[in-house]
Amino acid sequence: MDLPEQIALLPDIVASKYLTHSVLSGSERPPRVALLRASRPIEPAASRWDVLPVRQLIDAAMRRHGGDRATADAWLAPRLHATLRMTRREAADTGLWNFLALVVAPDYVLWRHRGNTKEGERATADRFVGVHYKQTFARLWWAAEIFRDGDDYEPTRVACGNQDVLNTMLRLEVIDHRPTARAVVRLLEKGVVSTGRQVNGLGTAINAAASTLVYDVLAPDVGPDTEARRYWIDEAENAGPVPMDNLPFGPDDGRAPSESVDVLVRRFAELFAEAPIRGKEREIPTPIPNQGVSLDKPYSPF
């Protein structure tokens, strides 16, 4: 595949124009030359915008997870985040994700998300050009950003291992509060929630309670270390490729306060126990030991 050297920014209006039925079904590739002409380079140029490392990750994901495409999410999310080192402000530019989906890896979008629809076997347009919790690559990067605990991507791996976390939790504004995100993953780790119905019920309960409970008061967060984040980004020039078999390290910008996470784990377990979830009465809940909110995107000032 003839790849561009660096990622560029492809405007939504141009990207959407070329999402024809043929492209969405995979019978025709997006018009690469026209898309490249319409794209704007990211300035200043830097190795963190190199296409090749991203494409190598995507190829590896397809090789490793051909038997179960959904499992690619938990593998790719932390590695994509650790490769594309940027601020939340930069990641909020949809042009970057449009470029990845239509120019760098349209084959991955189809491989991961093509399915049977009323119009035949195809991917939906929002997997190419869409909001951050739907677009193929944006949702993985943002999941890693939101669910990581400082430089530890293990919570991201756990969160992305459950499709309903990606489909439900990622769209909630309250999940931007770091202790909230960490508490949700803790409940997954403990087995308190596991099925799709349970995850959706928990998300509904958390979101509803946020109208009366102010999570960032109930469970304060000290906020991330922006200087550490800047250092992590600058380090991309000499970082090299991320490991394929072990989790990489994220920015060492601080972890969610454990006391705040513990408070929310207990509170969310109570909300979940009270939530009207069909079939829950037949399930045996996992007890929670007695362990001793919304930030707007982007949080980074640079």
C-alpha atoms as a PDB file:
ATOM      1  CA  MET A   1       0.000   0.000   0.000  1.00  0.00           C
ATOM      2  CA  ASP A   2       1.309   3.420  -0.998  1.00  0.00           C
ATOM      3  CA  LEU A   3       0.995   5.447   2.215  1.00  0.00           C
ATOM      4  CA  PRO A   4       1.465   9.160   2.840  1.00  0.00           C
ATOM      5  CA  GLU A   5       4.354   9.896   5.160  1.00  0.00           C
ATOM      6  CA  GLN A   6       2.397  11.859   7.742  1.00  0.00           C
ATOM      7  CA  ILE A   7      -1.128  12.132   9.048  1.00  0.00           C
ATOM      8  CA  ALA A   8      -3.043  15.174   7.784  1.00  0.00           C
ATOM      9  CA  LEU A   9      -6.413  16.772   8.533  1.00  0.00           C
ATOM     10  CA  LEU A  10      -9.331  15.873   6.258  1.00  0.00           C
ATOM     11  CA  PRO A  11     -12.398  18.141   6.673  1.00  0.00           C
ATOM     12  CA  ASP A  12     -15.698  16.489   7.590  1.00  0.00           C
ATOM     13  CA  ILE A  13     -17.528  17.937   4.596  1.00  0.00           C
ATOM     14  CA  VAL A  14     -15.006  16.460   2.149  1.00  0.00           C
ATOM     15  CA  ALA A  15     -14.784  13.094   3.906  1.00  0.00           C
ATOM     16  CA  SER A  16     -18.575  12.726   4.001  1.00  0.00           C
ATOM     17  CA  LYS A  17     -18.834  13.539   0.307  1.00  0.00           C
ATOM     18  CA  TYR A  18     -16.926  10.387  -0.614  1.00  0.00           C
ATOM     19  CA  LEU A  19     -18.755   7.969   1.668  1.00  0.00           C
ATOM     20  CA  THR A  20     -20.680   6.348  -1.151  1.00  0.00           C
ATOM     21  CA  HIS A  21     -22.448   3.006  -0.945  1.00  0.00           C
ATOM     22  CA  SER A  22     -19.530   1.457  -2.840  1.00  0.00           C
ATOM     23  CA  VAL A  23     -17.014   2.741  -0.295  1.00  0.00           C
ATOM     24  CA  LEU A  24     -19.140   1.707   2.695  1.00  0.00           C
ATOM     25  CA  SER A  25     -19.623  -1.773   1.266  1.00  0.00           C
ATOM     26  CA  GLY A  26     -15.948  -2.185   0.396  1.00  0.00           C
ATOM     27  CA  SER A  27     -16.505  -2.716  -3.311  1.00  0.00           C
ATOM     28  CA  GLU A  28     -14.576   0.467  -4.040  1.00  0.00           C
ATOM     29  CA  ARG A  29     -11.742   2.223  -2.227  1.00  0.00           C
ATOM     30  CA  PRO A  30     -12.042   5.889  -1.262  1.00  0.00           C
ATOM     31  CA  PRO A  31     -10.512   8.209  -3.926  1.00  0.00           C
ATOM     32  CA  ARG A  32      -7.096   8.593  -2.346  1.00  0.00           C
ATOM     33  CA  VAL A  33      -5.726  11.308  -4.635  1.00  0.00           C
ATOM     34  CA  ALA A  34      -8.754  13.556  -4.177  1.00  0.00           C
ATOM     35  CA  LEU A  35      -8.693  13.044  -0.413  1.00  0.00           C
ATOM     36  CA  LEU A  36      -5.005  13.869  -0.164  1.00  0.00           C
ATOM     37  CA  ARG A  37      -5.503  17.058  -2.163  1.00  0.00           C
ATOM     38  CA  ALA A  38      -8.274  18.136   0.193  1.00  0.00           C
ATOM     39  CA  SER A  39      -6.261  17.396   3.346  1.00  0.00           C
ATOM     40  CA  ARG A  40      -4.257  19.955   5.292  1.00  0.00           C
ATOM     41  CA  PRO A  41      -0.839  19.077   6.790  1.00  0.00           C
ATOM     42  CA  ILE A  42      -0.460  19.181  10.559  1.00  0.00           C
ATOM     43  CA  GLU A  43       1.986  21.901  11.518  1.00  0.00           C
ATOM     44  CA  PRO A  44       4.674  21.684  12.628  1.00  0.00           C
ATOM     45  CA  ALA A  45       5.638  18.336  11.171  1.00  0.00           C
ATOM     46  CA  ALA A  46       6.795  15.830  13.801  1.00  0.00           C
ATOM     47  CA  SER A  47       7.506  12.129  14.048  1.00  0.00           C
ATOM     48  CA  ARG A  48       4.437  11.677  16.237  1.00  0.00           C
ATOM     49  CA  TRP A  49       2.358  12.219  13.081  1.00  0.00           C
ATOM     50  CA  ASP A  50       4.152   9.491  11.092  1.00  0.00           C
ATOM     51  CA  VAL A  51       1.718   7.183   9.317  1.00  0.00           C
ATOM     52  CA  LEU A  52       3.861   4.037   9.197  1.00  0.00           C
ATOM     53  CA  PRO A  53       3.814   3.162  12.950  1.00  0.00           C
ATOM     54  CA  VAL A  54       0.024   3.534  13.006  1.00  0.00           C
ATOM     55  CA  ARG A  55      -0.404   1.410   9.910  1.00  0.00           C
ATOM     56  CA  GLN A  56       1.851  -1.285  11.369  1.00  0.00           C
ATOM     57  CA  LEU A  57      -0.331  -1.428  14.492  1.00  0.00           C
ATOM     58  CA  ILE A  58      -3.470  -1.719  12.394  1.00  0.00           C
ATOM     59  CA  ASP A  59      -2.002  -4.564  10.338  1.00  0.00           C
ATOM     60  CA  ALA A  60      -0.939  -6.357  13.519  1.00  0.00           C
ATOM     61  CA  ALA A  61      -4.424  -5.976  15.005  1.00  0.00           C
ATOM     62  CA  MET A  62      -6.006  -7.633  11.978  1.00  0.00           C
ATOM     63  CA  ARG A  63      -3.473 -10.478  11.974  1.00  0.00           C
ATOM     64  CA  ARG A  64      -3.836 -11.167  15.692  1.00  0.00           C
ATOM     65  CA  HIS A  65      -7.604 -10.854  15.982  1.00  0.00           C
ATOM     66  CA  GLY A  66      -8.944 -12.256  12.739  1.00  0.00           C
ATOM     67  CA  GLY A  67     -10.943 -14.876  14.621  1.00  0.00           C
ATOM     68  CA  ASP A  68     -12.779 -12.333  16.780  1.00  0.00           C
ATOM     69  CA  ARG A  69     -12.716  -8.776  15.479  1.00  0.00           C
ATOM     70  CA  ALA A  70     -14.184  -7.249  18.644  1.00  0.00           C
ATOM     71  CA  THR A  71     -11.155  -8.349  20.683  1.00  0.00           C
ATOM     72  CA  ALA A  72      -8.974  -6.060  18.562  1.00  0.00           C
ATOM     73  CA  ASP A  73     -10.328  -3.050  20.455  1.00  0.00           C
ATOM     74  CA  ALA A  74      -8.695  -3.917  23.781  1.00  0.00           C
ATOM     75  CA  TRP A  75      -5.386  -4.640  22.041  1.00  0.00           C
ATOM     76  CA  LEU A  76      -5.325  -1.631  19.729  1.00  0.00           C
ATOM     77  CA  ALA A  77      -6.699   1.140  21.983  1.00  0.00           C
ATOM     78  CA  PRO A  78      -3.727   1.536  24.363  1.00  0.00           C
ATOM     79  CA  ARG A  79      -1.188   1.097  21.573  1.00  0.00           C
ATOM     80  CA  LEU A  80      -2.899   3.621  19.321  1.00  0.00           C
ATOM     81  CA  HIS A  81      -2.968   6.117  22.192  1.00  0.00           C
ATOM     82  CA  ALA A  82       0.695   5.528  23.037  1.00  0.00           C
ATOM     83  CA  THR A  83       1.647   5.959  19.370  1.00  0.00           C
ATOM     84  CA  LEU A  84      -0.464   9.044  18.654  1.00  0.00           C
ATOM     85  CA  ARG A  85       0.826  11.218  21.476  1.00  0.00           C
ATOM     86  CA  MET A  86      -1.224  14.381  21.588  1.00  0.00           C
ATOM     87  CA  THR A  87      -3.322  16.654  23.753  1.00  0.00           C
ATOM     88  CA  ARG A  88      -7.068  16.330  24.096  1.00  0.00           C
ATOM     89  CA  ARG A  89      -7.419  19.525  22.105  1.00  0.00           C
ATOM     90  CA  GLU A  90      -5.536  17.968  19.201  1.00  0.00           C
ATOM     91  CA  ALA A  91      -7.517  14.745  19.463  1.00  0.00           C
ATOM     92  CA  ALA A  92     -10.777  16.725  19.298  1.00  0.00           C
ATOM     93  CA  ASP A  93     -10.007  17.650  15.657  1.00  0.00           C
ATOM     94  CA  THR A  94     -12.160  15.221  13.666  1.00  0.00           C
ATOM     95  CA  GLY A  95     -10.053  15.847  10.556  1.00  0.00           C
ATOM     96  CA  LEU A  96      -7.295  13.651  11.974  1.00  0.00           C
ATOM     97  CA  TRP A  97      -9.637  10.684  12.465  1.00  0.00           C
ATOM     98  CA  ASN A  98     -11.250  11.215   9.045  1.00  0.00           C
ATOM     99  CA  PHE A  99      -7.802  10.984   7.464  1.00  0.00           C
ATOM    100  CA  LEU A 100      -6.958   7.754   9.271  1.00  0.00           C
ATOM    101  CA  ALA A 101     -10.263   6.164   8.309  1.00  0.00           C
ATOM    102  CA  LEU A 102     -10.415   7.152   4.636  1.00  0.00           C
ATOM    103  CA  VAL A 103      -6.780   7.512   3.599  1.00  0.00           C
ATOM    104  CA  VAL A 104      -4.625   5.400   5.937  1.00  0.00           C
ATOM    105  CA  ALA A 105      -6.828   2.437   6.861  1.00  0.00           C
ATOM    106  CA  PRO A 106     -10.274   2.220   5.231  1.00  0.00           C
ATOM    107  CA  ASP A 107      -9.712  -1.541   5.063  1.00  0.00           C
ATOM    108  CA  TYR A 108      -9.538  -1.706   8.864  1.00  0.00           C
ATOM    109  CA  VAL A 109     -12.796   0.221   9.265  1.00  0.00           C
ATOM    110  CA  LEU A 110     -14.516  -2.304   7.007  1.00  0.00           C
ATOM    111  CA  TRP A 111     -12.803  -5.281   8.620  1.00  0.00           C
ATOM    112  CA  ARG A 112     -13.843  -4.174  12.100  1.00  0.00           C
ATOM    113  CA  HIS A 113     -17.304  -2.748  11.508  1.00  0.00           C
ATOM    114  CA  ARG A 114     -18.824  -4.092   8.319  1.00  0.00           C
ATOM    115  CA  GLY A 115     -22.043  -5.973   9.014  1.00  0.00           C
ATOM    116  CA  ASN A 116     -25.466  -6.761   7.640  1.00  0.00           C
ATOM    117  CA  THR A 117     -27.745  -3.737   7.206  1.00  0.00           C
ATOM    118  CA  LYS A 118     -30.949  -2.999   5.299  1.00  0.00           C
ATOM    119  CA  GLU A 119     -28.733  -1.822   2.449  1.00  0.00           C
ATOM    120  CA  GLY A 120     -26.579  -4.948   2.405  1.00  0.00           C
ATOM    121  CA  GLU A 121     -23.256  -5.817   4.023  1.00  0.00           C
ATOM    122  CA  ARG A 122     -21.486  -2.565   4.778  1.00  0.00           C
ATOM    123  CA  ALA A 123     -20.090  -0.307   7.475  1.00  0.00           C
ATOM    124  CA  THR A 124     -22.103   2.666   8.644  1.00  0.00           C
ATOM    125  CA  ALA A 125     -20.887   6.137   7.715  1.00  0.00           C
ATOM    126  CA  ASP A 126     -20.282   7.151  11.339  1.00  0.00           C
ATOM    127  CA  ARG A 127     -17.495   4.580  11.598  1.00  0.00           C
ATOM    128  CA  PHE A 128     -15.580   6.670   9.050  1.00  0.00           C
ATOM    129  CA  VAL A 129     -16.794  10.169   9.913  1.00  0.00           C
ATOM    130  CA  GLY A 130     -18.540  10.451  13.245  1.00  0.00           C
ATOM    131  CA  VAL A 131     -18.557  11.497  16.879  1.00  0.00           C
ATOM    132  CA  HIS A 132     -15.699  10.400  19.123  1.00  0.00           C
ATOM    133  CA  TYR A 133     -17.606   7.464  20.634  1.00  0.00           C
ATOM    134  CA  LYS A 134     -18.548   6.013  17.221  1.00  0.00           C
ATOM    135  CA  GLN A 135     -15.713   6.749  14.766  1.00  0.00           C
ATOM    136  CA  THR A 136     -13.448   3.697  14.457  1.00  0.00           C
ATOM    137  CA  PHE A 137     -10.159   5.205  15.605  1.00  0.00           C
ATOM    138  CA  ALA A 138     -11.375   8.147  17.668  1.00  0.00           C
ATOM    139  CA  ARG A 139     -13.343   5.885  20.006  1.00  0.00           C
ATOM    140  CA  LEU A 140     -10.270   3.750  20.713  1.00  0.00           C
ATOM    141  CA  TRP A 141      -7.982   6.713  21.383  1.00  0.00           C
ATOM    142  CA  TRP A 142     -10.549   8.401  23.621  1.00  0.00           C
ATOM    143  CA  ALA A 143     -11.275   5.155  25.464  1.00  0.00           C
ATOM    144  CA  ALA A 144      -7.573   4.840  26.238  1.00  0.00           C
ATOM    145  CA  GLU A 145      -7.413   8.482  27.293  1.00  0.00           C
ATOM    146  CA  ILE A 146     -10.418   8.265  29.578  1.00  0.00           C
ATOM    147  CA  PHE A 147      -9.965   4.845  31.153  1.00  0.00           C
ATOM    148  CA  ARG A 148      -6.175   4.755  31.629  1.00  0.00           C
ATOM    149  CA  ASP A 149      -4.924   5.422  35.169  1.00  0.00           C
ATOM    150  CA  GLY A 150      -1.940   7.691  34.632  1.00  0.00           C
ATOM    151  CA  ASP A 151       0.676   5.696  32.743  1.00  0.00           C
ATOM    152  CA  ASP A 152      -1.164   2.405  33.388  1.00  0.00           C
ATOM    153  CA  TYR A 153      -3.188   1.161  30.410  1.00  0.00           C
ATOM    154  CA  GLU A 154      -4.484  -1.956  32.146  1.00  0.00           C
ATOM    155  CA  PRO A 155      -7.824  -0.278  33.016  1.00  0.00           C
ATOM    156  CA  THR A 156      -8.140   0.624  29.324  1.00  0.00           C
ATOM    157  CA  ARG A 157      -7.633  -2.993  28.356  1.00  0.00           C
ATOM    158  CA  VAL A 158     -10.351  -4.078  30.794  1.00  0.00           C
ATOM    159  CA  ALA A 159     -12.789  -1.377  29.676  1.00  0.00           C
ATOM    160  CA  CYS A 160     -12.294  -2.038  25.965  1.00  0.00           C
ATOM    161  CA  GLY A 161     -12.760  -5.757  26.537  1.00  0.00           C
ATOM    162  CA  ASN A 162     -16.453  -5.056  27.086  1.00  0.00           C
ATOM    163  CA  GLN A 163     -18.191  -3.671  23.988  1.00  0.00           C
ATOM    164  CA  ASP A 164     -20.999  -2.144  26.038  1.00  0.00           C
ATOM    165  CA  VAL A 165     -18.497   0.002  27.921  1.00  0.00           C
ATOM    166  CA  LEU A 166     -17.381   1.453  24.591  1.00  0.00           C
ATOM    167  CA  ASN A 167     -20.924   1.731  23.257  1.00  0.00           C
ATOM    168  CA  THR A 168     -22.552   3.134  26.407  1.00  0.00           C
ATOM    169  CA  MET A 169     -20.088   4.585  28.911  1.00  0.00           C
ATOM    170  CA  LEU A 170     -17.912   6.405  26.405  1.00  0.00           C
ATOM    171  CA  ARG A 171     -20.766   8.691  25.379  1.00  0.00           C
ATOM    172  CA  LEU A 172     -21.538   9.846  28.943  1.00  0.00           C
ATOM    173  CA  GLU A 173     -20.142  13.249  29.951  1.00  0.00           C
ATOM    174  CA  VAL A 174     -19.641  12.093  33.544  1.00  0.00           C
ATOM    175  CA  ILE A 175     -17.073   9.525  32.394  1.00  0.00           C
ATOM    176  CA  ASP A 176     -14.598  12.385  31.796  1.00  0.00           C
ATOM    177  CA  HIS A 177     -14.237  12.585  35.575  1.00  0.00           C
ATOM    178  CA  ARG A 178     -11.223  10.363  36.250  1.00  0.00           C
ATOM    179  CA  PRO A 179     -12.422   8.778  39.539  1.00  0.00           C
ATOM    180  CA  THR A 180     -15.745   7.957  37.846  1.00  0.00           C
ATOM    181  CA  ALA A 181     -14.018   6.185  34.957  1.00  0.00           C
ATOM    182  CA  ARG A 182     -11.717   4.313  37.331  1.00  0.00           C
ATOM    183  CA  ALA A 183     -14.631   3.256  39.562  1.00  0.00           C
ATOM    184  CA  VAL A 184     -16.522   1.848  36.580  1.00  0.00           C
ATOM    185  CA  VAL A 185     -13.506  -0.260  35.606  1.00  0.00           C
ATOM    186  CA  ARG A 186     -13.072  -1.387  39.220  1.00  0.00           C
ATOM    187  CA  LEU A 187     -16.630  -2.771  39.159  1.00  0.00           C
ATOM    188  CA  LEU A 188     -15.774  -4.623  35.952  1.00  0.00           C
ATOM    189  CA  GLU A 189     -12.601  -6.016  37.518  1.00  0.00           C
ATOM    190  CA  LYS A 190     -14.547  -7.249  40.539  1.00  0.00           C
ATOM    191  CA  GLY A 191     -17.209  -8.886  38.396  1.00  0.00           C
ATOM    192  CA  VAL A 192     -19.998  -6.768  39.884  1.00  0.00           C
ATOM    193  CA  VAL A 193     -20.989  -5.831  36.325  1.00  0.00           C
ATOM    194  CA  SER A 194     -20.118  -7.935  33.324  1.00  0.00           C
ATOM    195  CA  THR A 195     -22.989  -8.462  30.895  1.00  0.00           C
ATOM    196  CA  GLY A 196     -24.104  -5.884  28.382  1.00  0.00           C
ATOM    197  CA  ARG A 197     -27.408  -5.430  30.186  1.00  0.00           C
ATOM    198  CA  GLN A 198     -25.592  -4.796  33.466  1.00  0.00           C
ATOM    199  CA  VAL A 199     -23.161  -2.300  31.948  1.00  0.00           C
ATOM    200  CA  ASN A 200     -25.993  -0.401  30.284  1.00  0.00           C
ATOM    201  CA  GLY A 201     -27.976  -0.403  33.527  1.00  0.00           C
ATOM    202  CA  LEU A 202     -24.995   0.890  35.481  1.00  0.00           C
ATOM    203  CA  GLY A 203     -24.388   3.623  32.938  1.00  0.00           C
ATOM    204  CA  THR A 204     -28.020   4.725  33.101  1.00  0.00           C
ATOM    205  CA  ALA A 205     -27.944   4.760  36.908  1.00  0.00           C
ATOM    206  CA  ILE A 206     -24.677   6.729  37.074  1.00  0.00           C
ATOM    207  CA  ASN A 207     -25.860   9.264  34.542  1.00  0.00           C
ATOM    208  CA  ALA A 208     -29.226   9.743  36.230  1.00  0.00           C
ATOM    209  CA  ALA A 209     -27.643  10.179  39.659  1.00  0.00           C
ATOM    210  CA  ALA A 210     -25.295  12.823  38.267  1.00  0.00           C
ATOM    211  CA  SER A 211     -28.255  15.220  38.139  1.00  0.00           C
ATOM    212  CA  THR A 212     -28.320  15.276  41.951  1.00  0.00           C
ATOM    213  CA  LEU A 213     -24.870  14.005  42.940  1.00  0.00           C
ATOM    214  CA  VAL A 214     -21.909  16.170  41.961  1.00  0.00           C
ATOM    215  CA  TYR A 215     -19.244  13.512  41.469  1.00  0.00           C
ATOM    216  CA  ASP A 216     -16.293  15.898  41.424  1.00  0.00           C
ATOM    217  CA  VAL A 217     -17.393  17.163  44.853  1.00  0.00           C
ATOM    218  CA  LEU A 218     -18.225  13.750  46.251  1.00  0.00           C
ATOM    219  CA  ALA A 219     -14.982  12.320  44.853  1.00  0.00           C
ATOM    220  CA  PRO A 220     -12.515  15.138  44.086  1.00  0.00           C
ATOM    221  CA  ASP A 221      -9.790  14.760  41.495  1.00  0.00           C
ATOM    222  CA  VAL A 222      -6.516  16.667  41.718  1.00  0.00           C
ATOM    223  CA  GLY A 223      -6.371  16.911  37.929  1.00  0.00           C
ATOM    224  CA  PRO A 224      -3.675  15.671  35.559  1.00  0.00           C
ATOM    225  CA  ASP A 225      -0.093  16.929  35.486  1.00  0.00           C
ATOM    226  CA  THR A 226       0.057  18.910  32.233  1.00  0.00           C
ATOM    227  CA  GLU A 227       3.850  19.213  32.323  1.00  0.00           C
ATOM    228  CA  ALA A 228       4.181  15.431  32.482  1.00  0.00           C
ATOM    229  CA  ARG A 229       1.797  15.179  29.540  1.00  0.00           C
ATOM    230  CA  ARG A 230       3.906  17.663  27.574  1.00  0.00           C
ATOM    231  CA  TYR A 231       7.059  15.683  28.359  1.00  0.00           C
ATOM    232  CA  TRP A 232       5.379  12.455  27.150  1.00  0.00           C
ATOM    233  CA  ILE A 233       4.412  14.147  23.898  1.00  0.00           C
ATOM    234  CA  ASP A 234       7.876  15.600  23.342  1.00  0.00           C
ATOM    235  CA  GLU A 235       9.400  12.202  24.059  1.00  0.00           C
ATOM    236  CA  ALA A 236       7.623  10.809  20.984  1.00  0.00           C
ATOM    237  CA  GLU A 237      10.526  11.953  18.812  1.00  0.00           C
ATOM    238  CA  ASN A 238      12.717   9.217  20.304  1.00  0.00           C
ATOM    239  CA  ALA A 239      10.190   6.760  21.708  1.00  0.00           C
ATOM    240  CA  GLY A 240      10.311   4.089  19.005  1.00  0.00           C
ATOM    241  CA  PRO A 241       7.507   1.601  18.268  1.00  0.00           C
ATOM    242  CA  VAL A 242       5.214   0.439  21.063  1.00  0.00           C
ATOM    243  CA  PRO A 243       5.509  -3.188  22.272  1.00  0.00           C
ATOM    244  CA  MET A 244       3.220  -5.696  20.606  1.00  0.00           C
ATOM    245  CA  ASP A 245       3.040  -8.250  23.421  1.00  0.00           C
ATOM    246  CA  ASN A 246       3.166  -6.044  26.520  1.00  0.00           C
ATOM    247  CA  LEU A 247       1.170  -2.941  27.315  1.00  0.00           C
ATOM    248  CA  PRO A 248       2.967   0.335  26.608  1.00  0.00           C
ATOM    249  CA  PHE A 249       3.226   3.151  29.138  1.00  0.00           C
ATOM    250  CA  GLY A 250       1.031   6.222  28.896  1.00  0.00           C
ATOM    251  CA  PRO A 251       1.809   9.727  30.140  1.00  0.00           C
ATOM    252  CA  ASP A 252       2.872   9.719  33.774  1.00  0.00           C
ATOM    253  CA  ASP A 253       0.506  12.577  34.570  1.00  0.00           C
ATOM    254  CA  GLY A 254      -0.897  11.255  37.839  1.00  0.00           C
ATOM    255  CA  ARG A 255      -3.486   8.688  38.829  1.00  0.00           C
ATOM    256  CA  ALA A 256      -7.019   9.171  40.068  1.00  0.00           C
ATOM    257  CA  PRO A 257      -7.006   9.607  43.887  1.00  0.00           C
ATOM    258  CA  SER A 258      -7.632   6.184  45.427  1.00  0.00           C
ATOM    259  CA  GLU A 259      -9.863   7.615  48.171  1.00  0.00           C
ATOM    260  CA  SER A 260     -12.140   9.198  45.579  1.00  0.00           C
ATOM    261  CA  VAL A 261     -12.265   6.006  43.541  1.00  0.00           C
ATOM    262  CA  ASP A 262     -13.186   3.990  46.647  1.00  0.00           C
ATOM    263  CA  VAL A 263     -16.027   6.389  47.458  1.00  0.00           C
ATOM    264  CA  LEU A 264     -17.484   6.028  43.968  1.00  0.00           C
ATOM    265  CA  VAL A 265     -17.036   2.263  43.839  1.00  0.00           C
ATOM    266  CA  ARG A 266     -19.246   1.969  46.910  1.00  0.00           C
ATOM    267  CA  ARG A 267     -21.743   4.517  45.628  1.00  0.00           C
ATOM    268  CA  PHE A 268     -21.975   3.011  42.155  1.00  0.00           C
ATOM    269  CA  ALA A 269     -22.423  -0.471  43.615  1.00  0.00           C
ATOM    270  CA  GLU A 270     -25.392   0.886  45.590  1.00  0.00           C
ATOM    271  CA  LEU A 271     -26.842   2.543  42.494  1.00  0.00           C
ATOM    272  CA  PHE A 272     -26.409  -0.667  40.537  1.00  0.00           C
ATOM    273  CA  ALA A 273     -28.090  -2.735  43.246  1.00  0.00           C
ATOM    274  CA  GLU A 274     -31.108  -0.423  43.107  1.00  0.00           C
ATOM    275  CA  ALA A 275     -31.261  -0.159  39.318  1.00  0.00           C
ATOM    276  CA  PRO A 276     -34.204  -1.913  37.612  1.00  0.00           C
ATOM    277  CA  ILE A 277     -32.280  -4.253  35.317  1.00  0.00           C
ATOM    278  CA  ARG A 278     -34.223  -7.090  33.705  1.00  0.00           C
ATOM    279  CA  GLY A 279     -32.952 -10.507  34.798  1.00  0.00           C
ATOM    280  CA  LYS A 280     -30.824  -9.137  37.633  1.00  0.00           C
ATOM    281  CA  GLU A 281     -32.856 -10.966  40.250  1.00  0.00           C
ATOM    282  CA  ARG A 282     -31.552 -14.259  38.838  1.00  0.00           C
ATOM    283  CA  GLU A 283     -27.922 -13.182  39.163  1.00  0.00           C
ATOM    284  CA  ILE A 284     -25.756 -13.529  42.250  1.00  0.00           C
ATOM    285  CA  PRO A 285     -24.127 -10.165  43.007  1.00  0.00           C
ATOM    286  CA  THR A 286     -20.486  -9.915  43.948  1.00  0.00           C
ATOM    287  CA  PRO A 287     -20.036  -8.205  47.333  1.00  0.00           C
ATOM    288  CA  ILE A 288     -18.030  -4.984  47.491  1.00  0.00           C
ATOM    289  CA  PRO A 289     -15.511  -4.791  50.332  1.00  0.00           C
ATOM    290  CA  ASN A 290     -15.556  -1.705  52.556  1.00  0.00           C
ATOM    291  CA  GLN A 291     -12.628   0.099  51.023  1.00  0.00           C
ATOM    292  CA  GLY A 292     -10.749   2.532  52.850  1.00  0.00           C
ATOM    293  CA  VAL A 293     -17.826  14.893  38.471  1.00  0.00           C
ATOM    294  CA  SER A 294     -17.629  16.104  34.732  1.00  0.00           C
ATOM    295  CA  LEU A 295     -14.595  17.660  33.100  1.00  0.00           C
ATOM    296  CA  ASP A 296     -15.141  19.204  29.683  1.00  0.00           C
ATOM    297  CA  LYS A 297     -12.941  18.112  26.790  1.00  0.00           C
ATOM    298  CA  PRO A 298     -10.249  19.223  26.378  1.00  0.00           C
ATOM    299  CA  TYR A 299      -8.677  19.443  29.823  1.00  0.00           C
ATOM    300  CA  SER A 300      -5.183  20.261  28.525  1.00  0.00           C
ATOM    301  CA  PRO A 301      -4.378  23.973  28.235  1.00  0.00           C
ATOM    302  CA  PHE A 302      -1.879  23.391  25.436  1.00  0.00           C
END
